[in-house]
Amino acid sequence: MSRYVVRITPADVGRRVSVRSRTAAPAGEAPLTDTVGRLTTWRDGVLTVTRRDGTVAYVDERNLVAGRVLAEHQPRERPI
């Protein structure tokens, strides 16, 4: 059985994170979603995560199921 753990706090603002949260999914769809990006704010119970493509996700901390800090994204080496 999986055990979800929230390992992020407001002190992690500015870091790259992965969060799993509950959604209001229609019947038959997964009730959880994953978001990966930079935790840009955590204010008044709402996390703001900015994805690499620039889109922003807002996660109510009451819906937070799991979260962790990720290693910084390393740029790929380009062949010479």
C-alpha atoms as a PDB file:
ATOM      1  CA  MET A   1       0.000   0.000   0.000  1.00  0.00           C
ATOM      2  CA  SER A   2       1.313   3.461  -0.917  1.00  0.00           C
ATOM      3  CA  ARG A   3       1.758   6.063   1.738  1.00  0.00           C
ATOM      4  CA  TYR A   4       1.718   9.695   0.706  1.00  0.00           C
ATOM      5  CA  VAL A   5       3.845  12.196   2.614  1.00  0.00           C
ATOM      6  CA  VAL A   6       3.956  15.978   2.348  1.00  0.00           C
ATOM      7  CA  ARG A   7       7.619  16.939   2.656  1.00  0.00           C
ATOM      8  CA  ILE A   8       7.374  20.572   1.592  1.00  0.00           C
ATOM      9  CA  THR A   9       6.685  23.710   3.607  1.00  0.00           C
ATOM     10  CA  PRO A  10       6.400  27.435   2.877  1.00  0.00           C
ATOM     11  CA  ALA A  11      10.167  27.559   3.496  1.00  0.00           C
ATOM     12  CA  ASP A  12      10.589  25.745   0.153  1.00  0.00           C
ATOM     13  CA  VAL A  13       9.292  28.687  -1.913  1.00  0.00           C
ATOM     14  CA  GLY A  14      11.705  29.151  -4.817  1.00  0.00           C
ATOM     15  CA  ARG A  15      12.608  25.472  -5.049  1.00  0.00           C
ATOM     16  CA  ARG A  16      11.600  22.911  -7.671  1.00  0.00           C
ATOM     17  CA  VAL A  17       8.847  20.625  -6.338  1.00  0.00           C
ATOM     18  CA  SER A  18       6.487  17.811  -7.212  1.00  0.00           C
ATOM     19  CA  VAL A  19       3.030  17.905  -5.607  1.00  0.00           C
ATOM     20  CA  ARG A  20       0.091  15.511  -5.739  1.00  0.00           C
ATOM     21  CA  SER A  21      -3.330  16.934  -4.935  1.00  0.00           C
ATOM     22  CA  ARG A  22      -6.998  15.963  -4.917  1.00  0.00           C
ATOM     23  CA  THR A  23      -9.165  17.263  -7.734  1.00  0.00           C
ATOM     24  CA  ALA A  24     -12.875  17.533  -8.370  1.00  0.00           C
ATOM     25  CA  ALA A  25     -12.633  14.905 -11.111  1.00  0.00           C
ATOM     26  CA  PRO A  26     -15.740  13.711 -12.941  1.00  0.00           C
ATOM     27  CA  ALA A  27     -16.864  10.157 -12.215  1.00  0.00           C
ATOM     28  CA  GLY A  28     -14.543   7.597 -13.735  1.00  0.00           C
ATOM     29  CA  GLU A  29     -11.494   9.870 -13.790  1.00  0.00           C
ATOM     30  CA  ALA A  30      -8.568   9.884 -11.375  1.00  0.00           C
ATOM     31  CA  PRO A  31      -9.253  12.090  -8.345  1.00  0.00           C
ATOM     32  CA  LEU A  32      -5.562  13.046  -8.047  1.00  0.00           C
ATOM     33  CA  THR A  33      -3.241  15.156 -10.180  1.00  0.00           C
ATOM     34  CA  ASP A  34       0.516  15.719 -10.166  1.00  0.00           C
ATOM     35  CA  THR A  35       2.195  19.069 -10.716  1.00  0.00           C
ATOM     36  CA  VAL A  36       5.928  19.630 -11.181  1.00  0.00           C
ATOM     37  CA  GLY A  37       7.524  23.054 -11.231  1.00  0.00           C
ATOM     38  CA  ARG A  38       8.884  25.914  -9.159  1.00  0.00           C
ATOM     39  CA  LEU A  39       7.001  26.677  -5.922  1.00  0.00           C
ATOM     40  CA  THR A  40       6.620  30.414  -6.450  1.00  0.00           C
ATOM     41  CA  THR A  41       4.349  31.269  -3.512  1.00  0.00           C
ATOM     42  CA  TRP A  42       2.585  29.635  -0.572  1.00  0.00           C
ATOM     43  CA  ARG A  43       0.208  32.240   0.790  1.00  0.00           C
ATOM     44  CA  ASP A  44      -3.145  32.098   2.568  1.00  0.00           C
ATOM     45  CA  GLY A  45      -3.363  28.325   2.139  1.00  0.00           C
ATOM     46  CA  VAL A  46      -2.696  28.323  -1.616  1.00  0.00           C
ATOM     47  CA  LEU A  47       0.452  27.027  -3.302  1.00  0.00           C
ATOM     48  CA  THR A  48       1.423  28.540  -6.634  1.00  0.00           C
ATOM     49  CA  VAL A  49       3.552  26.267  -8.816  1.00  0.00           C
ATOM     50  CA  THR A  50       5.024  27.599 -12.054  1.00  0.00           C
ATOM     51  CA  ARG A  51       5.703  24.865 -14.589  1.00  0.00           C
ATOM     52  CA  ARG A  52       8.703  24.860 -16.918  1.00  0.00           C
ATOM     53  CA  ASP A  53       6.462  25.980 -19.820  1.00  0.00           C
ATOM     54  CA  GLY A  54       5.394  29.045 -17.814  1.00  0.00           C
ATOM     55  CA  THR A  55       1.867  27.893 -16.960  1.00  0.00           C
ATOM     56  CA  VAL A  56       0.792  28.319 -13.365  1.00  0.00           C
ATOM     57  CA  ALA A  57      -1.057  25.841 -11.142  1.00  0.00           C
ATOM     58  CA  TYR A  58      -2.814  26.831  -7.927  1.00  0.00           C
ATOM     59  CA  VAL A  59      -3.139  24.134  -5.265  1.00  0.00           C
ATOM     60  CA  ASP A  60      -5.252  24.559  -2.139  1.00  0.00           C
ATOM     61  CA  GLU A  61      -3.135  23.183   0.711  1.00  0.00           C
ATOM     62  CA  ARG A  62      -6.226  21.367   2.046  1.00  0.00           C
ATOM     63  CA  ASN A  63      -6.122  19.244  -1.145  1.00  0.00           C
ATOM     64  CA  LEU A  64      -2.401  18.507  -0.868  1.00  0.00           C
ATOM     65  CA  VAL A  65      -1.802  14.744  -0.642  1.00  0.00           C
ATOM     66  CA  ALA A  66       1.975  14.556  -1.182  1.00  0.00           C
ATOM     67  CA  GLY A  67       4.841  16.860  -1.960  1.00  0.00           C
ATOM     68  CA  ARG A  68       8.593  16.798  -2.181  1.00  0.00           C
ATOM     69  CA  VAL A  69      11.507  18.977  -3.226  1.00  0.00           C
ATOM     70  CA  LEU A  70      13.225  17.884  -6.446  1.00  0.00           C
ATOM     71  CA  ALA A  71      16.794  18.307  -7.586  1.00  0.00           C
ATOM     72  CA  GLU A  72      17.356  21.331  -9.762  1.00  0.00           C
ATOM     73  CA  HIS A  73      16.812  20.620 -13.450  1.00  0.00           C
ATOM     74  CA  GLN A  74      20.171  20.176 -15.189  1.00  0.00           C
ATOM     75  CA  PRO A  75      20.487  21.439 -18.749  1.00  0.00           C
ATOM     76  CA  ARG A  76      21.220  18.717 -21.298  1.00  0.00           C
ATOM     77  CA  GLU A  77      24.662  18.610 -22.854  1.00  0.00           C
ATOM     78  CA  ARG A  78      24.561  19.318 -26.535  1.00  0.00           C
ATOM     79  CA  PRO A  79      26.724  17.339 -28.908  1.00  0.00           C
ATOM     80  CA  ILE A  80      29.614  19.233 -30.409  1.00  0.00           C
END
